[in-house]
Amino acid sequence: MANAREIKSRISSVQDTMKITNAMYMISSSKMKKAKKILSDTEPYFYNMQSAIARILRHIPDIQHPFFSVRHLIPTEERKIATIVVTGDKGMAGAYNHNIQKMTEQFMAEHEHCKLYVLGMVGRQYFTKKHMDIAENFPYTVQKPTMHRARLISEEIVRAFLDRELDEVRIFYTEMQSAVAMEPVNMQLLPLKKAEFLPNQAMLADMPQEEIVLSPSADVLLNTMIPNYLTGLIYGCLVEAYASENNARMMAMQSSTDSAKKMLRELSIEYNRARQAAITQEITE
């Protein structure tokens, strides 16, 4: 059995660690709540943008537009796919980074022509160690996502897609489904799917008919609206991932704090036993 002085030193060390985990829990909690508030404030604009695109497609369902081009003439196995991966800038967040990295590796193993874009220091370091080619277009931090950063990302992928450098664009991020459940998500950004904008036939039959005038044309309107819609979609993914990262770190720090409390209880009992043994030995002597 360790002597009382050694046990007291361990107790002091655990208490110092617990103060750090408590502080990190509070910081992550504040960041997560702020991120969700920002997302909820910006969502209405982009939902209205989505509704406007859906309204155009509802009236012109057969419109041929580059953003909806599925590239039928290119075989599936030969399509060039961009994978935008959103990881954290630091660890201590449980399995947050591991889950999204594992999903990305599985996807890339199944698709030969992938171009890897990575956001976050943890992901860049991980894929660099794996000797995987990483595009240097987005060397951004994932802390405090901004609309400006999302717009830069959307402009690059839109340019590459329209220039046919890419046939498909996907984003891998983590979605916070509840306070305790977070799931990695593989979302297709381009080409857009008309079915995701148009209601089903039953709903379409019940919708009131309307007459609209598109000026200057549906193509020009979509050319302006869709890049803005993609910017909002990417921004939402960045904020959702940021909130998920901080929620995962909260859970990890809470678990560490609980473990520290349990360890302190056990050390306290051991310390009292050591003191009692020392006193008994003094009395005996």
C-alpha atoms as a PDB file:
ATOM      1  CA  MET A   1       0.000   0.000   0.000  1.00  0.00           C
ATOM      2  CA  ALA A   2       1.279   3.510  -0.888  1.00  0.00           C
ATOM      3  CA  ASN A   3       1.996   5.821   2.005  1.00  0.00           C
ATOM      4  CA  ALA A   4      -0.261   8.758   2.883  1.00  0.00           C
ATOM      5  CA  ARG A   5       2.022  11.362   1.294  1.00  0.00           C
ATOM      6  CA  GLU A   6       2.010   9.595  -2.101  1.00  0.00           C
ATOM      7  CA  ILE A   7      -1.763   9.185  -2.010  1.00  0.00           C
ATOM      8  CA  LYS A   8      -2.238  12.860  -1.117  1.00  0.00           C
ATOM      9  CA  SER A   9      -0.039  13.842  -4.073  1.00  0.00           C
ATOM     10  CA  ARG A  10      -2.177  11.703  -6.412  1.00  0.00           C
ATOM     11  CA  ILE A  11      -5.360  13.264  -5.009  1.00  0.00           C
ATOM     12  CA  SER A  12      -3.966  16.735  -5.700  1.00  0.00           C
ATOM     13  CA  SER A  13      -3.029  15.720  -9.261  1.00  0.00           C
ATOM     14  CA  VAL A  14      -6.509  14.306  -9.982  1.00  0.00           C
ATOM     15  CA  GLN A  15      -8.155  17.441  -8.578  1.00  0.00           C
ATOM     16  CA  ASP A  16      -6.060  19.637 -10.890  1.00  0.00           C
ATOM     17  CA  THR A  17      -7.017  17.475 -13.883  1.00  0.00           C
ATOM     18  CA  MET A  18     -10.691  17.657 -12.913  1.00  0.00           C
ATOM     19  CA  LYS A  19     -10.536  21.467 -12.885  1.00  0.00           C
ATOM     20  CA  ILE A  20      -9.235  21.388 -16.466  1.00  0.00           C
ATOM     21  CA  THR A  21     -11.916  18.950 -17.697  1.00  0.00           C
ATOM     22  CA  ASN A  22     -14.613  21.018 -15.967  1.00  0.00           C
ATOM     23  CA  ALA A  23     -13.360  24.195 -17.645  1.00  0.00           C
ATOM     24  CA  MET A  24     -13.222  22.504 -21.069  1.00  0.00           C
ATOM     25  CA  TYR A  25     -16.773  21.239 -20.561  1.00  0.00           C
ATOM     26  CA  MET A  26     -18.043  24.761 -19.876  1.00  0.00           C
ATOM     27  CA  ILE A  27     -16.178  26.244 -22.877  1.00  0.00           C
ATOM     28  CA  SER A  28     -17.468  23.565 -25.258  1.00  0.00           C
ATOM     29  CA  SER A  29     -21.008  24.010 -23.929  1.00  0.00           C
ATOM     30  CA  SER A  30     -20.881  27.748 -24.619  1.00  0.00           C
ATOM     31  CA  LYS A  31     -19.484  27.249 -28.151  1.00  0.00           C
ATOM     32  CA  MET A  32     -22.070  24.589 -29.000  1.00  0.00           C
ATOM     33  CA  LYS A  33     -25.032  26.745 -27.894  1.00  0.00           C
ATOM     34  CA  LYS A  34     -23.686  29.740 -29.816  1.00  0.00           C
ATOM     35  CA  ALA A  35     -23.247  27.668 -32.991  1.00  0.00           C
ATOM     36  CA  LYS A  36     -26.814  26.328 -32.843  1.00  0.00           C
ATOM     37  CA  LYS A  37     -28.148  29.855 -32.285  1.00  0.00           C
ATOM     38  CA  ILE A  38     -26.282  31.170 -35.360  1.00  0.00           C
ATOM     39  CA  LEU A  39     -27.586  28.287 -37.481  1.00  0.00           C
ATOM     40  CA  SER A  40     -31.193  28.831 -36.394  1.00  0.00           C
ATOM     41  CA  ASP A  41     -30.891  32.550 -37.219  1.00  0.00           C
ATOM     42  CA  THR A  42     -29.671  31.950 -40.789  1.00  0.00           C
ATOM     43  CA  GLU A  43     -31.774  28.899 -41.725  1.00  0.00           C
ATOM     44  CA  PRO A  44     -34.990  30.798 -42.726  1.00  0.00           C
ATOM     45  CA  TYR A  45     -33.254  32.615 -45.600  1.00  0.00           C
ATOM     46  CA  PHE A  46     -31.925  29.418 -47.154  1.00  0.00           C
ATOM     47  CA  TYR A  47     -35.188  27.523 -46.615  1.00  0.00           C
ATOM     48  CA  ASN A  48     -36.907  30.300 -48.574  1.00  0.00           C
ATOM     49  CA  MET A  49     -34.210  29.997 -51.261  1.00  0.00           C
ATOM     50  CA  GLN A  50     -34.908  26.255 -51.458  1.00  0.00           C
ATOM     51  CA  SER A  51     -38.629  26.953 -51.755  1.00  0.00           C
ATOM     52  CA  ALA A  52     -38.028  29.426 -54.578  1.00  0.00           C
ATOM     53  CA  ILE A  53     -35.953  26.864 -56.524  1.00  0.00           C
ATOM     54  CA  ALA A  54     -38.665  24.262 -55.918  1.00  0.00           C
ATOM     55  CA  ARG A  55     -41.282  26.704 -57.208  1.00  0.00           C
ATOM     56  CA  ILE A  56     -39.387  27.172 -60.477  1.00  0.00           C
ATOM     57  CA  LEU A  57     -38.932  23.415 -60.930  1.00  0.00           C
ATOM     58  CA  ARG A  58     -42.596  22.813 -60.144  1.00  0.00           C
ATOM     59  CA  HIS A  59     -43.575  24.970 -63.110  1.00  0.00           C
ATOM     60  CA  ILE A  60     -40.772  23.810 -65.418  1.00  0.00           C
ATOM     61  CA  PRO A  61     -40.061  20.219 -64.292  1.00  0.00           C
ATOM     62  CA  ASP A  62     -38.341  19.290 -67.591  1.00  0.00           C
ATOM     63  CA  ILE A  63     -35.811  22.120 -67.499  1.00  0.00           C
ATOM     64  CA  GLN A  64     -32.273  21.071 -68.435  1.00  0.00           C
ATOM     65  CA  HIS A  65     -29.741  22.867 -66.280  1.00  0.00           C
ATOM     66  CA  PRO A  66     -26.015  22.202 -65.607  1.00  0.00           C
ATOM     67  CA  PHE A  67     -26.488  22.012 -61.826  1.00  0.00           C
ATOM     68  CA  PHE A  68     -28.832  19.045 -62.315  1.00  0.00           C
ATOM     69  CA  SER A  69     -26.601  17.283 -64.853  1.00  0.00           C
ATOM     70  CA  VAL A  70     -26.041  13.675 -63.752  1.00  0.00           C
ATOM     71  CA  ARG A  71     -23.430  13.071 -66.500  1.00  0.00           C
ATOM     72  CA  HIS A  72     -25.140   9.983 -67.932  1.00  0.00           C
ATOM     73  CA  LEU A  73     -22.501   9.578 -70.633  1.00  0.00           C
ATOM     74  CA  ILE A  74     -19.707   9.058 -68.086  1.00  0.00           C
ATOM     75  CA  PRO A  75     -19.577   5.529 -66.589  1.00  0.00           C
ATOM     76  CA  THR A  76     -20.131   5.461 -62.834  1.00  0.00           C
ATOM     77  CA  GLU A  77     -16.693   4.011 -62.117  1.00  0.00           C
ATOM     78  CA  GLU A  78     -14.996   6.791 -64.116  1.00  0.00           C
ATOM     79  CA  ARG A  79     -16.710   9.783 -62.540  1.00  0.00           C
ATOM     80  CA  LYS A  80     -14.477  12.285 -60.742  1.00  0.00           C
ATOM     81  CA  ILE A  81     -15.845  12.789 -57.236  1.00  0.00           C
ATOM     82  CA  ALA A  82     -14.904  15.571 -54.819  1.00  0.00           C
ATOM     83  CA  THR A  83     -15.085  14.605 -51.151  1.00  0.00           C
ATOM     84  CA  ILE A  84     -15.135  17.546 -48.743  1.00  0.00           C
ATOM     85  CA  VAL A  85     -14.347  16.210 -45.263  1.00  0.00           C
ATOM     86  CA  VAL A  86     -15.104  18.290 -42.161  1.00  0.00           C
ATOM     87  CA  THR A  87     -13.012  17.246 -39.135  1.00  0.00           C
ATOM     88  CA  GLY A  88     -11.950  19.081 -35.987  1.00  0.00           C
ATOM     89  CA  ASP A  89      -8.893  21.223 -35.321  1.00  0.00           C
ATOM     90  CA  LYS A  90      -8.086  19.310 -32.139  1.00  0.00           C
ATOM     91  CA  GLY A  91      -8.852  16.055 -30.399  1.00  0.00           C
ATOM     92  CA  MET A  92     -10.250  15.237 -26.943  1.00  0.00           C
ATOM     93  CA  ALA A  93     -13.699  14.836 -28.515  1.00  0.00           C
ATOM     94  CA  GLY A  94     -14.286  11.106 -28.198  1.00  0.00           C
ATOM     95  CA  ALA A  95     -14.834   9.319 -31.513  1.00  0.00           C
ATOM     96  CA  TYR A  96     -15.865  12.499 -33.366  1.00  0.00           C
ATOM     97  CA  ASN A  97     -12.866  12.661 -35.722  1.00  0.00           C
ATOM     98  CA  HIS A  98     -12.419   8.889 -36.000  1.00  0.00           C
ATOM     99  CA  ASN A  99     -15.986   8.291 -37.233  1.00  0.00           C
ATOM    100  CA  ILE A 100     -15.842  10.843 -40.050  1.00  0.00           C
ATOM    101  CA  GLN A 101     -12.363   9.719 -41.120  1.00  0.00           C
ATOM    102  CA  LYS A 102     -13.482   6.080 -41.212  1.00  0.00           C
ATOM    103  CA  MET A 103     -16.533   6.935 -43.352  1.00  0.00           C
ATOM    104  CA  THR A 104     -14.345   8.894 -45.784  1.00  0.00           C
ATOM    105  CA  GLU A 105     -11.818   6.060 -46.126  1.00  0.00           C
ATOM    106  CA  GLN A 106     -14.573   3.523 -46.813  1.00  0.00           C
ATOM    107  CA  PHE A 107     -16.109   5.752 -49.496  1.00  0.00           C
ATOM    108  CA  MET A 108     -12.764   6.422 -51.191  1.00  0.00           C
ATOM    109  CA  ALA A 109     -11.923   2.710 -51.143  1.00  0.00           C
ATOM    110  CA  GLU A 110     -15.097   2.086 -53.174  1.00  0.00           C
ATOM    111  CA  HIS A 111     -14.525   4.943 -55.663  1.00  0.00           C
ATOM    112  CA  GLU A 112     -11.311   5.187 -57.648  1.00  0.00           C
ATOM    113  CA  HIS A 113     -11.384   8.789 -58.912  1.00  0.00           C
ATOM    114  CA  CYS A 114     -11.780  10.867 -55.740  1.00  0.00           C
ATOM    115  CA  LYS A 115     -10.383  14.310 -55.032  1.00  0.00           C
ATOM    116  CA  LEU A 116      -9.943  14.893 -51.308  1.00  0.00           C
ATOM    117  CA  TYR A 117     -10.654  18.275 -49.719  1.00  0.00           C
ATOM    118  CA  VAL A 118     -10.109  18.356 -45.944  1.00  0.00           C
ATOM    119  CA  LEU A 119     -11.222  20.979 -43.437  1.00  0.00           C
ATOM    120  CA  GLY A 120      -9.683  20.808 -39.954  1.00  0.00           C
ATOM    121  CA  MET A 121      -6.172  20.156 -38.675  1.00  0.00           C
ATOM    122  CA  VAL A 122      -6.928  16.665 -37.325  1.00  0.00           C
ATOM    123  CA  GLY A 123      -8.159  15.434 -40.701  1.00  0.00           C
ATOM    124  CA  ARG A 124      -5.282  16.986 -42.625  1.00  0.00           C
ATOM    125  CA  GLN A 125      -2.714  15.408 -40.314  1.00  0.00           C
ATOM    126  CA  TYR A 126      -4.483  12.033 -40.446  1.00  0.00           C
ATOM    127  CA  PHE A 127      -4.758  11.804 -44.237  1.00  0.00           C
ATOM    128  CA  THR A 128      -1.236  13.186 -44.708  1.00  0.00           C
ATOM    129  CA  LYS A 129       0.143  10.362 -42.540  1.00  0.00           C
ATOM    130  CA  LYS A 130      -1.823   7.943 -44.737  1.00  0.00           C
ATOM    131  CA  HIS A 131       0.037   9.429 -47.758  1.00  0.00           C
ATOM    132  CA  MET A 132      -3.225  10.481 -49.408  1.00  0.00           C
ATOM    133  CA  ASP A 133      -3.266  13.431 -51.825  1.00  0.00           C
ATOM    134  CA  ILE A 134      -5.096  16.378 -50.299  1.00  0.00           C
ATOM    135  CA  ALA A 135      -6.235  19.342 -52.401  1.00  0.00           C
ATOM    136  CA  GLU A 136      -4.900  22.588 -50.941  1.00  0.00           C
ATOM    137  CA  ASN A 137      -7.928  24.693 -51.910  1.00  0.00           C
ATOM    138  CA  PHE A 138      -9.476  24.876 -48.434  1.00  0.00           C
ATOM    139  CA  PRO A 139      -6.741  25.308 -45.780  1.00  0.00           C
ATOM    140  CA  TYR A 140      -9.321  26.686 -43.352  1.00  0.00           C
ATOM    141  CA  THR A 141      -9.866  26.276 -39.652  1.00  0.00           C
ATOM    142  CA  VAL A 142     -13.225  24.845 -38.643  1.00  0.00           C
ATOM    143  CA  GLN A 143     -13.475  27.071 -35.578  1.00  0.00           C
ATOM    144  CA  LYS A 144     -16.216  29.712 -35.761  1.00  0.00           C
ATOM    145  CA  PRO A 145     -17.616  28.923 -39.244  1.00  0.00           C
ATOM    146  CA  THR A 146     -18.434  31.975 -41.354  1.00  0.00           C
ATOM    147  CA  MET A 147     -20.626  32.604 -44.373  1.00  0.00           C
ATOM    148  CA  HIS A 148     -17.608  34.056 -46.199  1.00  0.00           C
ATOM    149  CA  ARG A 149     -15.688  30.791 -45.811  1.00  0.00           C
ATOM    150  CA  ALA A 150     -18.706  28.772 -46.984  1.00  0.00           C
ATOM    151  CA  ARG A 151     -19.024  31.029 -50.038  1.00  0.00           C
ATOM    152  CA  LEU A 152     -15.367  30.503 -50.984  1.00  0.00           C
ATOM    153  CA  ILE A 153     -15.878  26.729 -50.791  1.00  0.00           C
ATOM    154  CA  SER A 154     -19.083  26.806 -52.844  1.00  0.00           C
ATOM    155  CA  GLU A 155     -17.508  29.059 -55.515  1.00  0.00           C
ATOM    156  CA  GLU A 156     -14.634  26.616 -55.976  1.00  0.00           C
ATOM    157  CA  ILE A 157     -16.788  23.483 -56.235  1.00  0.00           C
ATOM    158  CA  VAL A 158     -19.299  25.203 -58.545  1.00  0.00           C
ATOM    159  CA  ARG A 159     -16.476  26.330 -60.843  1.00  0.00           C
ATOM    160  CA  ALA A 160     -14.904  22.848 -60.906  1.00  0.00           C
ATOM    161  CA  PHE A 161     -18.295  21.171 -61.517  1.00  0.00           C
ATOM    162  CA  LEU A 162     -19.317  23.505 -64.350  1.00  0.00           C
ATOM    163  CA  ASP A 163     -15.850  23.179 -65.946  1.00  0.00           C
ATOM    164  CA  ARG A 164     -16.273  19.387 -65.731  1.00  0.00           C
ATOM    165  CA  GLU A 165     -13.209  18.966 -63.564  1.00  0.00           C
ATOM    166  CA  LEU A 166     -15.626  17.199 -61.200  1.00  0.00           C
ATOM    167  CA  ASP A 167     -18.664  15.061 -61.957  1.00  0.00           C
ATOM    168  CA  GLU A 168     -19.970  14.827 -58.404  1.00  0.00           C
ATOM    169  CA  VAL A 169     -19.406  16.695 -55.136  1.00  0.00           C
ATOM    170  CA  ARG A 170     -20.014  15.245 -51.678  1.00  0.00           C
ATOM    171  CA  ILE A 171     -19.510  16.598 -48.171  1.00  0.00           C
ATOM    172  CA  PHE A 172     -18.803  14.430 -45.127  1.00  0.00           C
ATOM    173  CA  TYR A 173     -19.697  16.026 -41.819  1.00  0.00           C
ATOM    174  CA  THR A 174     -21.150  15.117 -38.428  1.00  0.00           C
ATOM    175  CA  GLU A 175     -24.777  15.829 -37.598  1.00  0.00           C
ATOM    176  CA  MET A 176     -25.955  16.287 -34.021  1.00  0.00           C
ATOM    177  CA  GLN A 177     -29.198  14.322 -33.900  1.00  0.00           C
ATOM    178  CA  SER A 178     -29.668  14.813 -30.156  1.00  0.00           C
ATOM    179  CA  ALA A 179     -27.704  15.817 -27.068  1.00  0.00           C
ATOM    180  CA  VAL A 180     -26.166  12.334 -26.910  1.00  0.00           C
ATOM    181  CA  ALA A 181     -26.346  11.080 -30.507  1.00  0.00           C
ATOM    182  CA  MET A 182     -24.089  12.281 -33.357  1.00  0.00           C
ATOM    183  CA  GLU A 183     -23.848  10.585 -36.733  1.00  0.00           C
ATOM    184  CA  PRO A 184     -21.418  11.088 -39.645  1.00  0.00           C
ATOM    185  CA  VAL A 185     -23.288  12.107 -42.804  1.00  0.00           C
ATOM    186  CA  ASN A 186     -22.407  11.652 -46.484  1.00  0.00           C
ATOM    187  CA  MET A 187     -24.350  14.341 -48.388  1.00  0.00           C
ATOM    188  CA  GLN A 188     -24.344  14.883 -52.133  1.00  0.00           C
ATOM    189  CA  LEU A 189     -24.032  18.584 -53.002  1.00  0.00           C
ATOM    190  CA  LEU A 190     -23.769  18.320 -56.799  1.00  0.00           C
ATOM    191  CA  PRO A 191     -25.427  17.435 -59.049  1.00  0.00           C
ATOM    192  CA  LEU A 192     -28.648  18.510 -57.384  1.00  0.00           C
ATOM    193  CA  LYS A 193     -31.573  16.110 -57.489  1.00  0.00           C
ATOM    194  CA  LYS A 194     -34.886  17.486 -58.723  1.00  0.00           C
ATOM    195  CA  ALA A 195     -36.780  14.930 -56.650  1.00  0.00           C
ATOM    196  CA  GLU A 196     -35.492  16.576 -53.468  1.00  0.00           C
ATOM    197  CA  PHE A 197     -37.112  19.884 -54.450  1.00  0.00           C
ATOM    198  CA  LEU A 198     -40.362  18.651 -55.973  1.00  0.00           C
ATOM    199  CA  PRO A 199     -43.261  17.362 -53.833  1.00  0.00           C
ATOM    200  CA  ASN A 200     -44.738  13.943 -54.510  1.00  0.00           C
ATOM    201  CA  GLN A 201     -47.647  13.577 -56.916  1.00  0.00           C
ATOM    202  CA  ALA A 202     -50.281  13.464 -54.158  1.00  0.00           C
ATOM    203  CA  MET A 203     -49.060  16.753 -52.660  1.00  0.00           C
ATOM    204  CA  LEU A 204     -48.671  18.296 -56.108  1.00  0.00           C
ATOM    205  CA  ALA A 205     -52.311  17.585 -56.925  1.00  0.00           C
ATOM    206  CA  ASP A 206     -53.480  19.404 -53.777  1.00  0.00           C
ATOM    207  CA  MET A 207     -51.312  22.478 -54.328  1.00  0.00           C
ATOM    208  CA  PRO A 208     -53.058  25.565 -55.771  1.00  0.00           C
ATOM    209  CA  GLN A 209     -52.228  26.348 -59.385  1.00  0.00           C
ATOM    210  CA  GLU A 210     -50.521  29.675 -59.998  1.00  0.00           C
ATOM    211  CA  GLU A 211     -49.236  31.666 -62.902  1.00  0.00           C
ATOM    212  CA  ILE A 212     -45.732  33.104 -62.607  1.00  0.00           C
ATOM    213  CA  VAL A 213     -43.474  35.165 -64.829  1.00  0.00           C
ATOM    214  CA  LEU A 214     -39.740  34.362 -64.777  1.00  0.00           C
ATOM    215  CA  SER A 215     -37.513  37.266 -65.717  1.00  0.00           C
ATOM    216  CA  PRO A 216     -35.115  37.230 -67.464  1.00  0.00           C
ATOM    217  CA  SER A 217     -35.377  33.412 -67.656  1.00  0.00           C
ATOM    218  CA  ALA A 218     -35.464  30.292 -65.476  1.00  0.00           C
ATOM    219  CA  ASP A 219     -31.862  29.442 -66.441  1.00  0.00           C
ATOM    220  CA  VAL A 220     -30.536  32.832 -65.383  1.00  0.00           C
ATOM    221  CA  LEU A 221     -32.478  32.729 -62.111  1.00  0.00           C
ATOM    222  CA  LEU A 222     -31.160  29.260 -61.273  1.00  0.00           C
ATOM    223  CA  ASN A 223     -27.614  30.348 -62.152  1.00  0.00           C
ATOM    224  CA  THR A 224     -27.900  32.983 -59.419  1.00  0.00           C
ATOM    225  CA  MET A 225     -29.989  31.143 -56.847  1.00  0.00           C
ATOM    226  CA  ILE A 226     -28.325  27.720 -56.779  1.00  0.00           C
ATOM    227  CA  PRO A 227     -24.793  28.929 -55.873  1.00  0.00           C
ATOM    228  CA  ASN A 228     -26.335  30.904 -52.994  1.00  0.00           C
ATOM    229  CA  TYR A 229     -28.329  27.849 -51.972  1.00  0.00           C
ATOM    230  CA  LEU A 230     -25.161  25.716 -51.994  1.00  0.00           C
ATOM    231  CA  THR A 231     -23.373  28.341 -49.893  1.00  0.00           C
ATOM    232  CA  GLY A 232     -26.137  28.077 -47.297  1.00  0.00           C
ATOM    233  CA  LEU A 233     -26.059  24.294 -47.435  1.00  0.00           C
ATOM    234  CA  ILE A 234     -22.277  24.201 -46.868  1.00  0.00           C
ATOM    235  CA  TYR A 235     -22.505  26.806 -44.116  1.00  0.00           C
ATOM    236  CA  GLY A 236     -25.143  24.685 -42.372  1.00  0.00           C
ATOM    237  CA  CYS A 237     -22.874  21.625 -42.596  1.00  0.00           C
ATOM    238  CA  LEU A 238     -19.918  23.565 -41.136  1.00  0.00           C
ATOM    239  CA  VAL A 239     -21.974  24.916 -38.234  1.00  0.00           C
ATOM    240  CA  GLU A 240     -23.587  21.534 -37.581  1.00  0.00           C
ATOM    241  CA  ALA A 241     -20.158  19.868 -37.527  1.00  0.00           C
ATOM    242  CA  TYR A 242     -18.784  22.579 -35.216  1.00  0.00           C
ATOM    243  CA  ALA A 243     -21.707  22.114 -32.822  1.00  0.00           C
ATOM    244  CA  SER A 244     -21.284  18.321 -32.970  1.00  0.00           C
ATOM    245  CA  GLU A 245     -17.553  18.584 -32.240  1.00  0.00           C
ATOM    246  CA  ASN A 246     -18.154  20.712 -29.156  1.00  0.00           C
ATOM    247  CA  ASN A 247     -20.994  18.469 -28.018  1.00  0.00           C
ATOM    248  CA  ALA A 248     -18.706  15.423 -28.381  1.00  0.00           C
ATOM    249  CA  ARG A 249     -16.019  17.248 -26.389  1.00  0.00           C
ATOM    250  CA  MET A 250     -18.599  18.111 -23.707  1.00  0.00           C
ATOM    251  CA  MET A 251     -19.521  14.429 -23.382  1.00  0.00           C
ATOM    252  CA  ALA A 252     -15.840  13.389 -23.277  1.00  0.00           C
ATOM    253  CA  MET A 253     -15.016  15.989 -20.620  1.00  0.00           C
ATOM    254  CA  GLN A 254     -18.075  15.042 -18.579  1.00  0.00           C
ATOM    255  CA  SER A 255     -16.999  11.403 -18.699  1.00  0.00           C
ATOM    256  CA  SER A 256     -13.466  12.394 -17.644  1.00  0.00           C
ATOM    257  CA  THR A 257     -14.805  14.491 -14.782  1.00  0.00           C
ATOM    258  CA  ASP A 258     -17.011  11.621 -13.564  1.00  0.00           C
ATOM    259  CA  SER A 259     -14.030   9.253 -13.723  1.00  0.00           C
ATOM    260  CA  ALA A 260     -11.942  11.749 -11.753  1.00  0.00           C
ATOM    261  CA  LYS A 261     -14.638  12.010  -9.068  1.00  0.00           C
ATOM    262  CA  LYS A 262     -14.780   8.232  -8.790  1.00  0.00           C
ATOM    263  CA  MET A 263     -10.987   8.068  -8.547  1.00  0.00           C
ATOM    264  CA  LEU A 264     -10.994  10.752  -5.833  1.00  0.00           C
ATOM    265  CA  ARG A 265     -13.486   8.751  -3.773  1.00  0.00           C
ATOM    266  CA  GLU A 266     -11.310   5.646  -4.038  1.00  0.00           C
ATOM    267  CA  LEU A 267      -8.117   7.588  -3.238  1.00  0.00           C
ATOM    268  CA  SER A 268      -9.805   9.239  -0.281  1.00  0.00           C
ATOM    269  CA  ILE A 269     -10.686   5.847   1.192  1.00  0.00           C
ATOM    270  CA  GLU A 270      -7.157   4.602   0.513  1.00  0.00           C
ATOM    271  CA  TYR A 271      -5.695   7.736   2.114  1.00  0.00           C
ATOM    272  CA  ASN A 272      -7.799   7.307   5.249  1.00  0.00           C
ATOM    273  CA  ARG A 273      -6.733   3.663   5.516  1.00  0.00           C
ATOM    274  CA  ALA A 274      -3.071   4.621   5.127  1.00  0.00           C
ATOM    275  CA  ARG A 275      -3.393   7.277   7.838  1.00  0.00           C
ATOM    276  CA  GLN A 276      -5.193   4.854  10.128  1.00  0.00           C
ATOM    277  CA  ALA A 277      -2.478   2.230   9.558  1.00  0.00           C
ATOM    278  CA  ALA A 278       0.224   4.795  10.294  1.00  0.00           C
ATOM    279  CA  ILE A 279      -1.488   5.893  13.536  1.00  0.00           C
ATOM    280  CA  THR A 280      -2.007   2.278  14.605  1.00  0.00           C
ATOM    281  CA  GLN A 281       1.651   1.528  13.966  1.00  0.00           C
ATOM    282  CA  GLU A 282       2.723   4.569  16.036  1.00  0.00           C
ATOM    283  CA  ILE A 283       0.503   3.509  18.946  1.00  0.00           C
ATOM    284  CA  THR A 284       1.826  -0.050  18.766  1.00  0.00           C
ATOM    285  CA  GLU A 285       5.410   1.146  18.782  1.00  0.00           C
END
